[in-house]
Amino acid sequence: MPNDESDRRWLKLTTLWNFSSCEPAFGFPFPGRIPGQIVRNVLYYFTGPNALVVDPFGGSGTTLDVCRHMERRCLIYDLQPSRDDITKYDISHGFPKEAQGCDLIFLDPPYWRQKRGKYPKEEGSFSVVSLDEFNRKMEKLISDCYDTVKEGGYTALFSQNPTELRGKMAVSCRHYVDHVIDGYEFFIRAGFSPVYRINCPLTWEQFAGFDVKDAKANKRLLGLVRDLLIMKKGP
């Protein structure tokens, strides 16, 4: 298990949080998995020991593993849990009562349809609905976050814009989709105050030869940019 005191290589001192790989101690290979080092930095900067952290998109349990390592309490949910210590729950219904008054909510929802077909049993998922429905679900989710997190608490939204959509999905957008800007507007309408926008880029190595060839042929930019919005309830 990584040692926070003797090894601080995971700690970032700027708003660029770039990690070349996922720390193996946190979570396991899973569609859309993010580096646990990102969660570690969020908890380091915006929570203290024994704080209550809520993650409604549990995935492979990265947030839970980081919370245990950093001595934070954690409530973690997923529509289709990948392990026994993640609670099955549909966040579309709002947050459970046990989450009320939490210190931080960490949101890493599907980036609309970018991973469609890769999640297990996607019925009801944010990843299979229309773009309009996705935005409605996200706005409700963020409003629910405001009603759930304590005054002075934080909500973190990790997101990426869908630059890799092709075929029918690309045509259905009809315009450039910016989940980060949309999410920011939802936060402001809900009553949150902005704290930081942090860039957490992907690595170039993620793209296969086909991706590069297709991008060159179609003059299409490959997406490496991912953003982390940190928002606070209260001034």
Foldseek 3Di string as FASTA:
>chain_A
DDDVPPDVPLEDDDLEREDADADPQFFHDWVPDDHLSVLLNCCVVQHAAQFEEEEADCTRNRNVSSCVVRRYHYQAEHCDDPDDNHHHDQCLVADDPVQAAGQEYEYEFPQAQLCPPRDPPCVNGSNPDAPVVNLVSLLVSLLSVLRGYHAFGKYKYKYFWPLPDDDPNVVSVVDGDDPVVSNVVSNVVSQWAWDDKGWYWHDPVVDDPVRVVVCVVVVGDDDGTMIMTMIGRYD
